[in-house]
Amino acid sequence: MYNAKEGGRGQFCVFSPEMNQRVFDYHWLDTNLRKALENDQLLIHYQPKITWRGEVRSLEALVRWQSPERGLIPPLEFISYAEESGLIVPLGRWVILDVVRQIAKWRDKGINLRVAVNFSARQLADQTLFTALKQALYDLNFEYCPIDVELTESCLIENDTLALSVIQQFSQLGAQIHLDDFGTGYSSLSQLARFPIDAVKLDQAFVRDIHKQPLSQSLVRAIVAVAQALNLQVIAEGVENAKEDAFLTKNGVNERQGFLFAKPMPAVSFERWYKRYQTKKMR
């Protein structure tokens, strides 16, 4: 029916096997993602970010779903449904609380790191998320907020008044605000100046093969120049080879993340990776 509507009035659409599969997948997600939240099937993988000095100061938290039926499911396969259904609100709350607890465990082991967590516009509108984070920081004896709030540019557009109010709350709590996928959306320079943003994150489209893409090189140089003028950090994601990394480091990018350094990994695996990385760096 929806496919026919998209074609305009007087249109009809033959029900195809592909459409049947989409309907089946939707109903499977509707049933099983709720169970995943209830039955502790979600887990967090962490991907380190490397500063231009070669230091690890922060990570990005990426949710995964360990389904007993389908195995490890990446976020691309269920986040859109979670947004549409409203499950993104309890899911997002679980993610941020689990991340804060993990940061506390690392802190107690002498590993002090910040962790970036992705937020959607729908999550920003949920005041209980901020309240839950504030309470968790108090319960775990944090004197600061170790969370970096990653927002897409669309979050600033959908309801800019609400976004500004909520972002200011997080900023006053001590969270850093990062604008994700910068350069691919609709934000303007005036918005960068208006919102209390601490960093912009270059989309992977700018980073891929940048060492042989003159247009991408010019765009990244321009973004870095604007960021520096506004006293913002610049982070690059999706760095996969040394030539990309060399260009980004040379041209003022503050932090890089990608498969060149490490894939996203469970907390226990990250601890092992971090110890090896620190040992190697000291040699």
C-alpha atoms as a PDB file:
ATOM      1  CA  MET A   1       0.000   0.000   0.000  1.00  0.00           C
ATOM      2  CA  TYR A   2       2.753   2.443   0.931  1.00  0.00           C
ATOM      3  CA  ASN A   3       4.630   1.685  -2.276  1.00  0.00           C
ATOM      4  CA  ALA A   4       1.481   2.391  -4.303  1.00  0.00           C
ATOM      5  CA  LYS A   5       0.907   5.694  -2.488  1.00  0.00           C
ATOM      6  CA  GLU A   6       4.442   6.769  -3.267  1.00  0.00           C
ATOM      7  CA  GLY A   7       3.670   6.304  -6.962  1.00  0.00           C
ATOM      8  CA  GLY A   8       0.778   8.804  -6.871  1.00  0.00           C
ATOM      9  CA  ARG A   9      -3.000   8.615  -7.213  1.00  0.00           C
ATOM     10  CA  GLY A  10      -4.486   5.831  -9.277  1.00  0.00           C
ATOM     11  CA  GLN A  11      -1.414   3.659  -8.874  1.00  0.00           C
ATOM     12  CA  PHE A  12      -1.256   0.061  -7.759  1.00  0.00           C
ATOM     13  CA  CYS A  13       1.655  -2.092  -6.710  1.00  0.00           C
ATOM     14  CA  VAL A  14       2.139  -5.833  -7.050  1.00  0.00           C
ATOM     15  CA  PHE A  15       3.136  -7.403  -3.736  1.00  0.00           C
ATOM     16  CA  SER A  16       6.660  -8.720  -4.305  1.00  0.00           C
ATOM     17  CA  PRO A  17       8.837 -11.196  -2.354  1.00  0.00           C
ATOM     18  CA  GLU A  18      11.076  -8.265  -1.400  1.00  0.00           C
ATOM     19  CA  MET A  19       8.125  -6.418   0.112  1.00  0.00           C
ATOM     20  CA  ASN A  20       7.090  -9.561   1.952  1.00  0.00           C
ATOM     21  CA  GLN A  21      10.596  -9.838   3.408  1.00  0.00           C
ATOM     22  CA  ARG A  22      10.488  -6.211   4.591  1.00  0.00           C
ATOM     23  CA  VAL A  23       7.161  -6.820   6.327  1.00  0.00           C
ATOM     24  CA  PHE A  24       8.547  -9.972   7.953  1.00  0.00           C
ATOM     25  CA  ASP A  25      11.698  -8.145   9.106  1.00  0.00           C
ATOM     26  CA  TYR A  26       9.630  -5.307  10.571  1.00  0.00           C
ATOM     27  CA  HIS A  27       7.469  -7.660  12.610  1.00  0.00           C
ATOM     28  CA  TRP A  28      10.531  -9.662  13.692  1.00  0.00           C
ATOM     29  CA  LEU A  29      12.174  -6.471  14.952  1.00  0.00           C
ATOM     30  CA  ASP A  30       8.958  -5.348  16.646  1.00  0.00           C
ATOM     31  CA  THR A  31       8.840  -8.555  18.656  1.00  0.00           C
ATOM     32  CA  ASN A  32      12.507  -9.251  19.275  1.00  0.00           C
ATOM     33  CA  LEU A  33      14.063  -5.837  19.901  1.00  0.00           C
ATOM     34  CA  ARG A  34      11.740  -5.381  22.857  1.00  0.00           C
ATOM     35  CA  LYS A  35      12.860  -8.777  24.145  1.00  0.00           C
ATOM     36  CA  ALA A  36      16.484  -7.768  23.625  1.00  0.00           C
ATOM     37  CA  LEU A  37      16.018  -4.784  25.925  1.00  0.00           C
ATOM     38  CA  GLU A  38      14.302  -6.936  28.533  1.00  0.00           C
ATOM     39  CA  ASN A  39      16.698  -9.906  28.339  1.00  0.00           C
ATOM     40  CA  ASP A  40      20.103  -8.198  28.326  1.00  0.00           C
ATOM     41  CA  GLN A  41      20.928  -9.041  24.693  1.00  0.00           C
ATOM     42  CA  LEU A  42      22.476  -5.641  23.912  1.00  0.00           C
ATOM     43  CA  LEU A  43      26.159  -4.905  24.311  1.00  0.00           C
ATOM     44  CA  ILE A  44      28.522  -2.028  23.690  1.00  0.00           C
ATOM     45  CA  HIS A  45      31.617  -2.085  21.504  1.00  0.00           C
ATOM     46  CA  TYR A  46      34.221   0.655  21.848  1.00  0.00           C
ATOM     47  CA  GLN A  47      36.394   2.196  19.136  1.00  0.00           C
ATOM     48  CA  PRO A  48      39.380   4.308  20.238  1.00  0.00           C
ATOM     49  CA  LYS A  49      40.221   7.749  18.899  1.00  0.00           C
ATOM     50  CA  ILE A  50      43.874   8.673  18.471  1.00  0.00           C
ATOM     51  CA  THR A  51      45.131  12.233  18.970  1.00  0.00           C
ATOM     52  CA  TRP A  52      47.725  13.789  16.675  1.00  0.00           C
ATOM     53  CA  ARG A  53      50.253  13.043  19.438  1.00  0.00           C
ATOM     54  CA  GLY A  54      49.361   9.356  19.300  1.00  0.00           C
ATOM     55  CA  GLU A  55      47.483   9.375  22.614  1.00  0.00           C
ATOM     56  CA  VAL A  56      44.186   7.630  23.385  1.00  0.00           C
ATOM     57  CA  ARG A  57      41.962   9.980  25.328  1.00  0.00           C
ATOM     58  CA  SER A  58      38.506   9.007  24.154  1.00  0.00           C
ATOM     59  CA  LEU A  59      36.401   6.282  22.554  1.00  0.00           C
ATOM     60  CA  GLU A  60      33.137   5.992  20.691  1.00  0.00           C
ATOM     61  CA  ALA A  61      30.456   3.668  22.064  1.00  0.00           C
ATOM     62  CA  LEU A  62      28.629   1.609  19.435  1.00  0.00           C
ATOM     63  CA  VAL A  63      25.690  -0.597  20.378  1.00  0.00           C
ATOM     64  CA  ARG A  64      25.374  -4.181  19.121  1.00  0.00           C
ATOM     65  CA  TRP A  65      22.597  -6.737  19.496  1.00  0.00           C
ATOM     66  CA  GLN A  66      23.562 -10.310  20.373  1.00  0.00           C
ATOM     67  CA  SER A  67      20.460 -12.101  19.106  1.00  0.00           C
ATOM     68  CA  PRO A  68      20.113 -15.786  20.075  1.00  0.00           C
ATOM     69  CA  GLU A  69      18.390 -16.320  16.730  1.00  0.00           C
ATOM     70  CA  ARG A  70      20.492 -14.232  14.304  1.00  0.00           C
ATOM     71  CA  GLY A  71      23.799 -13.740  16.083  1.00  0.00           C
ATOM     72  CA  LEU A  72      25.555 -10.370  16.352  1.00  0.00           C
ATOM     73  CA  ILE A  73      23.423  -7.698  14.666  1.00  0.00           C
ATOM     74  CA  PRO A  74      25.029  -4.324  13.773  1.00  0.00           C
ATOM     75  CA  PRO A  75      23.183  -1.069  14.565  1.00  0.00           C
ATOM     76  CA  LEU A  76      22.389  -0.280  10.928  1.00  0.00           C
ATOM     77  CA  GLU A  77      19.945  -3.183  10.957  1.00  0.00           C
ATOM     78  CA  PHE A  78      17.863  -2.064  13.944  1.00  0.00           C
ATOM     79  CA  ILE A  79      18.448   1.595  14.872  1.00  0.00           C
ATOM     80  CA  SER A  80      16.077   2.944  12.197  1.00  0.00           C
ATOM     81  CA  TYR A  81      13.308   0.701  13.510  1.00  0.00           C
ATOM     82  CA  ALA A  82      14.098   1.763  17.076  1.00  0.00           C
ATOM     83  CA  GLU A  83      13.729   5.411  16.014  1.00  0.00           C
ATOM     84  CA  GLU A  84      10.442   4.768  14.230  1.00  0.00           C
ATOM     85  CA  SER A  85       8.914   2.707  17.033  1.00  0.00           C
ATOM     86  CA  GLY A  86      10.080   4.882  19.916  1.00  0.00           C
ATOM     87  CA  LEU A  87      12.265   2.116  21.351  1.00  0.00           C
ATOM     88  CA  ILE A  88      15.247   4.409  20.781  1.00  0.00           C
ATOM     89  CA  VAL A  89      14.339   6.138  24.066  1.00  0.00           C
ATOM     90  CA  PRO A  90      14.722   3.120  26.420  1.00  0.00           C
ATOM     91  CA  LEU A  91      17.536   1.781  24.229  1.00  0.00           C
ATOM     92  CA  GLY A  92      19.411   5.080  24.421  1.00  0.00           C
ATOM     93  CA  ARG A  93      18.931   5.248  28.177  1.00  0.00           C
ATOM     94  CA  TRP A  94      20.340   1.725  28.554  1.00  0.00           C
ATOM     95  CA  VAL A  95      23.349   2.619  26.387  1.00  0.00           C
ATOM     96  CA  ILE A  96      24.344   5.750  28.259  1.00  0.00           C
ATOM     97  CA  LEU A  97      23.949   4.155  31.699  1.00  0.00           C
ATOM     98  CA  ASP A  98      25.932   1.084  30.656  1.00  0.00           C
ATOM     99  CA  VAL A  99      28.662   3.317  29.226  1.00  0.00           C
ATOM    100  CA  VAL A 100      28.899   5.396  32.410  1.00  0.00           C
ATOM    101  CA  ARG A 101      29.209   2.238  34.514  1.00  0.00           C
ATOM    102  CA  GLN A 102      31.984   0.984  32.235  1.00  0.00           C
ATOM    103  CA  ILE A 103      33.846   4.301  32.398  1.00  0.00           C
ATOM    104  CA  ALA A 104      33.679   4.057  36.197  1.00  0.00           C
ATOM    105  CA  LYS A 105      35.215   0.561  36.078  1.00  0.00           C
ATOM    106  CA  TRP A 106      38.063   1.852  33.907  1.00  0.00           C
ATOM    107  CA  ARG A 107      38.531   4.884  36.153  1.00  0.00           C
ATOM    108  CA  ASP A 108      38.921   2.585  39.152  1.00  0.00           C
ATOM    109  CA  LYS A 109      41.660   0.741  37.226  1.00  0.00           C
ATOM    110  CA  GLY A 110      43.480   4.000  36.490  1.00  0.00           C
ATOM    111  CA  ILE A 111      42.248   4.262  32.886  1.00  0.00           C
ATOM    112  CA  ASN A 112      40.700   7.711  32.472  1.00  0.00           C
ATOM    113  CA  LEU A 113      38.868   8.133  29.192  1.00  0.00           C
ATOM    114  CA  ARG A 114      35.961  10.031  27.719  1.00  0.00           C
ATOM    115  CA  VAL A 115      33.366   8.132  25.684  1.00  0.00           C
ATOM    116  CA  ALA A 116      31.234   9.513  22.855  1.00  0.00           C
ATOM    117  CA  VAL A 117      27.614   8.362  22.685  1.00  0.00           C
ATOM    118  CA  ASN A 118      25.323   8.980  19.704  1.00  0.00           C
ATOM    119  CA  PHE A 119      22.077  10.836  20.396  1.00  0.00           C
ATOM    120  CA  SER A 120      19.072  11.254  18.112  1.00  0.00           C
ATOM    121  CA  ALA A 121      16.584  14.137  18.039  1.00  0.00           C
ATOM    122  CA  ARG A 122      14.030  11.906  19.742  1.00  0.00           C
ATOM    123  CA  GLN A 123      16.447  11.174  22.579  1.00  0.00           C
ATOM    124  CA  LEU A 124      17.172  14.868  23.051  1.00  0.00           C
ATOM    125  CA  ALA A 125      13.467  15.425  23.645  1.00  0.00           C
ATOM    126  CA  ASP A 126      13.472  12.840  26.459  1.00  0.00           C
ATOM    127  CA  GLN A 127      14.239  14.769  29.637  1.00  0.00           C
ATOM    128  CA  THR A 128      14.442  11.546  31.649  1.00  0.00           C
ATOM    129  CA  LEU A 129      17.665  10.643  29.812  1.00  0.00           C
ATOM    130  CA  PHE A 130      19.464  13.709  31.157  1.00  0.00           C
ATOM    131  CA  THR A 131      18.075  13.071  34.640  1.00  0.00           C
ATOM    132  CA  ALA A 132      19.195   9.425  34.558  1.00  0.00           C
ATOM    133  CA  LEU A 133      22.701  10.406  33.441  1.00  0.00           C
ATOM    134  CA  LYS A 134      23.006  13.044  36.152  1.00  0.00           C
ATOM    135  CA  GLN A 135      21.928  10.538  38.816  1.00  0.00           C
ATOM    136  CA  ALA A 136      24.334   7.872  37.523  1.00  0.00           C
ATOM    137  CA  LEU A 137      27.264  10.306  37.665  1.00  0.00           C
ATOM    138  CA  TYR A 138      26.362  11.106  41.274  1.00  0.00           C
ATOM    139  CA  ASP A 139      25.924   7.446  42.266  1.00  0.00           C
ATOM    140  CA  LEU A 140      29.299   6.509  40.731  1.00  0.00           C
ATOM    141  CA  ASN A 141      31.133   9.427  42.392  1.00  0.00           C
ATOM    142  CA  PHE A 142      32.063  11.278  39.223  1.00  0.00           C
ATOM    143  CA  GLU A 143      33.245  14.831  39.779  1.00  0.00           C
ATOM    144  CA  TYR A 144      32.967  15.496  36.046  1.00  0.00           C
ATOM    145  CA  CYS A 145      30.944  14.212  33.100  1.00  0.00           C
ATOM    146  CA  PRO A 146      33.033  11.848  30.918  1.00  0.00           C
ATOM    147  CA  ILE A 147      30.431  11.697  28.132  1.00  0.00           C
ATOM    148  CA  ASP A 148      30.775  13.273  24.688  1.00  0.00           C
ATOM    149  CA  VAL A 149      27.303  13.782  23.202  1.00  0.00           C
ATOM    150  CA  GLU A 150      27.405  13.075  19.451  1.00  0.00           C
ATOM    151  CA  LEU A 151      24.605  14.729  17.489  1.00  0.00           C
ATOM    152  CA  THR A 152      23.881  14.731  13.781  1.00  0.00           C
ATOM    153  CA  GLU A 153      23.210  18.023  12.035  1.00  0.00           C
ATOM    154  CA  SER A 154      19.532  17.088  11.647  1.00  0.00           C
ATOM    155  CA  CYS A 155      19.155  17.211  15.451  1.00  0.00           C
ATOM    156  CA  LEU A 156      19.849  20.944  15.326  1.00  0.00           C
ATOM    157  CA  ILE A 157      17.340  21.491  12.532  1.00  0.00           C
ATOM    158  CA  GLU A 158      14.248  19.569  13.679  1.00  0.00           C
ATOM    159  CA  ASN A 159      13.647  21.707  16.759  1.00  0.00           C
ATOM    160  CA  ASP A 160      16.484  24.149  17.229  1.00  0.00           C
ATOM    161  CA  THR A 161      14.994  25.790  20.336  1.00  0.00           C
ATOM    162  CA  LEU A 162      14.640  22.454  22.135  1.00  0.00           C
ATOM    163  CA  ALA A 163      18.046  21.295  20.885  1.00  0.00           C
ATOM    164  CA  LEU A 164      19.735  24.433  22.212  1.00  0.00           C
ATOM    165  CA  SER A 165      18.076  24.087  25.620  1.00  0.00           C
ATOM    166  CA  VAL A 166      18.995  20.408  26.028  1.00  0.00           C
ATOM    167  CA  ILE A 167      22.523  20.841  24.676  1.00  0.00           C
ATOM    168  CA  GLN A 168      23.103  23.650  27.166  1.00  0.00           C
ATOM    169  CA  GLN A 169      21.989  21.314  29.968  1.00  0.00           C
ATOM    170  CA  PHE A 170      24.474  18.641  28.930  1.00  0.00           C
ATOM    171  CA  SER A 171      27.200  21.226  28.433  1.00  0.00           C
ATOM    172  CA  GLN A 172      26.639  22.690  31.904  1.00  0.00           C
ATOM    173  CA  LEU A 173      26.865  19.167  33.323  1.00  0.00           C
ATOM    174  CA  GLY A 174      30.343  18.906  31.797  1.00  0.00           C
ATOM    175  CA  ALA A 175      29.564  16.810  28.726  1.00  0.00           C
ATOM    176  CA  GLN A 176      31.255  17.752  25.484  1.00  0.00           C
ATOM    177  CA  ILE A 177      29.069  18.293  22.425  1.00  0.00           C
ATOM    178  CA  HIS A 178      30.245  16.841  19.111  1.00  0.00           C
ATOM    179  CA  LEU A 179      28.573  17.476  15.748  1.00  0.00           C
ATOM    180  CA  ASP A 180      28.678  14.177  13.846  1.00  0.00           C
ATOM    181  CA  ASP A 181      28.921  13.699  10.057  1.00  0.00           C
ATOM    182  CA  PHE A 182      29.781  17.369   9.646  1.00  0.00           C
ATOM    183  CA  GLY A 183      29.553  18.713   6.108  1.00  0.00           C
ATOM    184  CA  THR A 184      26.894  16.287   4.889  1.00  0.00           C
ATOM    185  CA  GLY A 185      23.802  17.905   6.410  1.00  0.00           C
ATOM    186  CA  TYR A 186      22.171  21.292   6.716  1.00  0.00           C
ATOM    187  CA  SER A 187      23.946  23.105   9.510  1.00  0.00           C
ATOM    188  CA  SER A 188      25.306  26.571   8.851  1.00  0.00           C
ATOM    189  CA  LEU A 189      28.234  28.502  10.252  1.00  0.00           C
ATOM    190  CA  SER A 190      25.790  30.589  12.294  1.00  0.00           C
ATOM    191  CA  GLN A 191      24.567  27.405  13.994  1.00  0.00           C
ATOM    192  CA  LEU A 192      28.119  26.406  14.856  1.00  0.00           C
ATOM    193  CA  ALA A 193      28.528  29.740  16.592  1.00  0.00           C
ATOM    194  CA  ARG A 194      25.099  29.590  18.257  1.00  0.00           C
ATOM    195  CA  PHE A 195      25.297  26.134  19.821  1.00  0.00           C
ATOM    196  CA  PRO A 196      27.857  25.256  22.547  1.00  0.00           C
ATOM    197  CA  ILE A 197      29.659  22.747  20.330  1.00  0.00           C
ATOM    198  CA  ASP A 198      33.123  21.475  21.279  1.00  0.00           C
ATOM    199  CA  ALA A 199      34.046  19.448  18.193  1.00  0.00           C
ATOM    200  CA  VAL A 200      33.006  18.638  14.642  1.00  0.00           C
ATOM    201  CA  LYS A 201      33.389  15.152  13.237  1.00  0.00           C
ATOM    202  CA  LEU A 202      34.266  14.764   9.562  1.00  0.00           C
ATOM    203  CA  ASP A 203      32.106  12.311   7.688  1.00  0.00           C
ATOM    204  CA  GLN A 204      33.894   9.284   6.245  1.00  0.00           C
ATOM    205  CA  ALA A 205      32.963  10.482   2.747  1.00  0.00           C
ATOM    206  CA  PHE A 206      35.553  13.268   3.116  1.00  0.00           C
ATOM    207  CA  VAL A 207      38.187  10.958   4.579  1.00  0.00           C
ATOM    208  CA  ARG A 208      38.079   8.058   2.123  1.00  0.00           C
ATOM    209  CA  ASP A 209      41.135   8.228  -0.181  1.00  0.00           C
ATOM    210  CA  ILE A 210      41.619  11.882   0.735  1.00  0.00           C
ATOM    211  CA  HIS A 211      45.297  11.687  -0.212  1.00  0.00           C
ATOM    212  CA  LYS A 212      44.235  11.446  -3.886  1.00  0.00           C
ATOM    213  CA  GLN A 213      41.027  13.525  -3.838  1.00  0.00           C
ATOM    214  CA  PRO A 214      41.841  17.251  -4.371  1.00  0.00           C
ATOM    215  CA  LEU A 215      38.252  18.378  -3.749  1.00  0.00           C
ATOM    216  CA  SER A 216      38.038  16.500  -0.442  1.00  0.00           C
ATOM    217  CA  GLN A 217      41.406  17.938   0.536  1.00  0.00           C
ATOM    218  CA  SER A 218      40.174  21.492  -0.077  1.00  0.00           C
ATOM    219  CA  LEU A 219      36.950  20.874   1.836  1.00  0.00           C
ATOM    220  CA  VAL A 220      38.752  19.390   4.839  1.00  0.00           C
ATOM    221  CA  ARG A 221      41.253  22.255   4.943  1.00  0.00           C
ATOM    222  CA  ALA A 222      38.342  24.720   4.882  1.00  0.00           C
ATOM    223  CA  ILE A 223      36.468  22.871   7.647  1.00  0.00           C
ATOM    224  CA  VAL A 224      39.596  22.745   9.813  1.00  0.00           C
ATOM    225  CA  ALA A 225      40.160  26.484   9.285  1.00  0.00           C
ATOM    226  CA  VAL A 226      36.581  27.305  10.329  1.00  0.00           C
ATOM    227  CA  ALA A 227      36.803  24.974  13.335  1.00  0.00           C
ATOM    228  CA  GLN A 228      40.055  26.531  14.492  1.00  0.00           C
ATOM    229  CA  ALA A 229      38.564  30.019  14.135  1.00  0.00           C
ATOM    230  CA  LEU A 230      35.676  28.935  16.382  1.00  0.00           C
ATOM    231  CA  ASN A 231      37.998  27.091  18.799  1.00  0.00           C
ATOM    232  CA  LEU A 232      36.511  23.684  17.927  1.00  0.00           C
ATOM    233  CA  GLN A 233      38.282  20.342  17.780  1.00  0.00           C
ATOM    234  CA  VAL A 234      38.152  18.328  14.540  1.00  0.00           C
ATOM    235  CA  ILE A 235      37.713  14.542  14.569  1.00  0.00           C
ATOM    236  CA  ALA A 236      37.950  12.281  11.517  1.00  0.00           C
ATOM    237  CA  GLU A 237      36.189   8.922  11.340  1.00  0.00           C
ATOM    238  CA  GLY A 238      36.711   6.045   8.933  1.00  0.00           C
ATOM    239  CA  VAL A 239      40.505   6.345   8.661  1.00  0.00           C
ATOM    240  CA  GLU A 240      41.651   3.138   6.991  1.00  0.00           C
ATOM    241  CA  ASN A 241      45.206   3.679   5.745  1.00  0.00           C
ATOM    242  CA  ALA A 242      48.395   5.529   6.630  1.00  0.00           C
ATOM    243  CA  LYS A 243      48.173   7.967   3.698  1.00  0.00           C
ATOM    244  CA  GLU A 244      44.756   9.201   4.797  1.00  0.00           C
ATOM    245  CA  ASP A 245      46.051   9.526   8.342  1.00  0.00           C
ATOM    246  CA  ALA A 246      49.160  11.441   7.274  1.00  0.00           C
ATOM    247  CA  PHE A 247      47.127  14.030   5.368  1.00  0.00           C
ATOM    248  CA  LEU A 248      44.645  14.509   8.209  1.00  0.00           C
ATOM    249  CA  THR A 249      47.335  14.866  10.865  1.00  0.00           C
ATOM    250  CA  LYS A 250      49.367  17.285   8.742  1.00  0.00           C
ATOM    251  CA  ASN A 251      46.321  19.469   8.119  1.00  0.00           C
ATOM    252  CA  GLY A 252      45.208  20.017  11.685  1.00  0.00           C
ATOM    253  CA  VAL A 253      42.778  17.199  12.497  1.00  0.00           C
ATOM    254  CA  ASN A 254      42.927  16.656  16.255  1.00  0.00           C
ATOM    255  CA  GLU A 255      41.687  13.065  16.585  1.00  0.00           C
ATOM    256  CA  ARG A 256      41.275  10.156  14.178  1.00  0.00           C
ATOM    257  CA  GLN A 257      39.449   6.872  14.442  1.00  0.00           C
ATOM    258  CA  GLY A 258      39.060   3.969  12.066  1.00  0.00           C
ATOM    259  CA  PHE A 259      40.195   0.481  11.167  1.00  0.00           C
ATOM    260  CA  LEU A 260      43.775   1.732  10.686  1.00  0.00           C
ATOM    261  CA  PHE A 261      43.987   1.918  14.472  1.00  0.00           C
ATOM    262  CA  ALA A 262      41.356  -0.506  15.763  1.00  0.00           C
ATOM    263  CA  LYS A 263      37.927  -1.913  15.032  1.00  0.00           C
ATOM    264  CA  PRO A 264      35.099  -1.475  17.558  1.00  0.00           C
ATOM    265  CA  MET A 265      35.526  -4.091  20.298  1.00  0.00           C
ATOM    266  CA  PRO A 266      33.997  -5.210  23.612  1.00  0.00           C
ATOM    267  CA  ALA A 267      35.229  -3.502  26.774  1.00  0.00           C
ATOM    268  CA  VAL A 268      37.433  -6.438  27.825  1.00  0.00           C
ATOM    269  CA  SER A 269      39.078  -6.574  24.403  1.00  0.00           C
ATOM    270  CA  PHE A 270      39.650  -2.821  24.476  1.00  0.00           C
ATOM    271  CA  GLU A 271      41.475  -3.094  27.806  1.00  0.00           C
ATOM    272  CA  ARG A 272      43.886  -5.621  26.294  1.00  0.00           C
ATOM    273  CA  TRP A 273      44.323  -3.456  23.179  1.00  0.00           C
ATOM    274  CA  TYR A 274      44.897  -0.352  25.297  1.00  0.00           C
ATOM    275  CA  LYS A 275      47.612  -2.002  27.390  1.00  0.00           C
ATOM    276  CA  ARG A 276      49.406  -3.219  24.257  1.00  0.00           C
ATOM    277  CA  TYR A 277      49.086   0.211  22.647  1.00  0.00           C
ATOM    278  CA  GLN A 278      50.439   2.006  25.709  1.00  0.00           C
ATOM    279  CA  THR A 279      53.356  -0.428  25.987  1.00  0.00           C
ATOM    280  CA  LYS A 280      54.205  -0.017  22.297  1.00  0.00           C
ATOM    281  CA  LYS A 281      53.965   3.774  22.553  1.00  0.00           C
ATOM    282  CA  MET A 282      56.440   3.876  25.460  1.00  0.00           C
ATOM    283  CA  ARG A 283      59.142   2.023  23.533  1.00  0.00           C
END
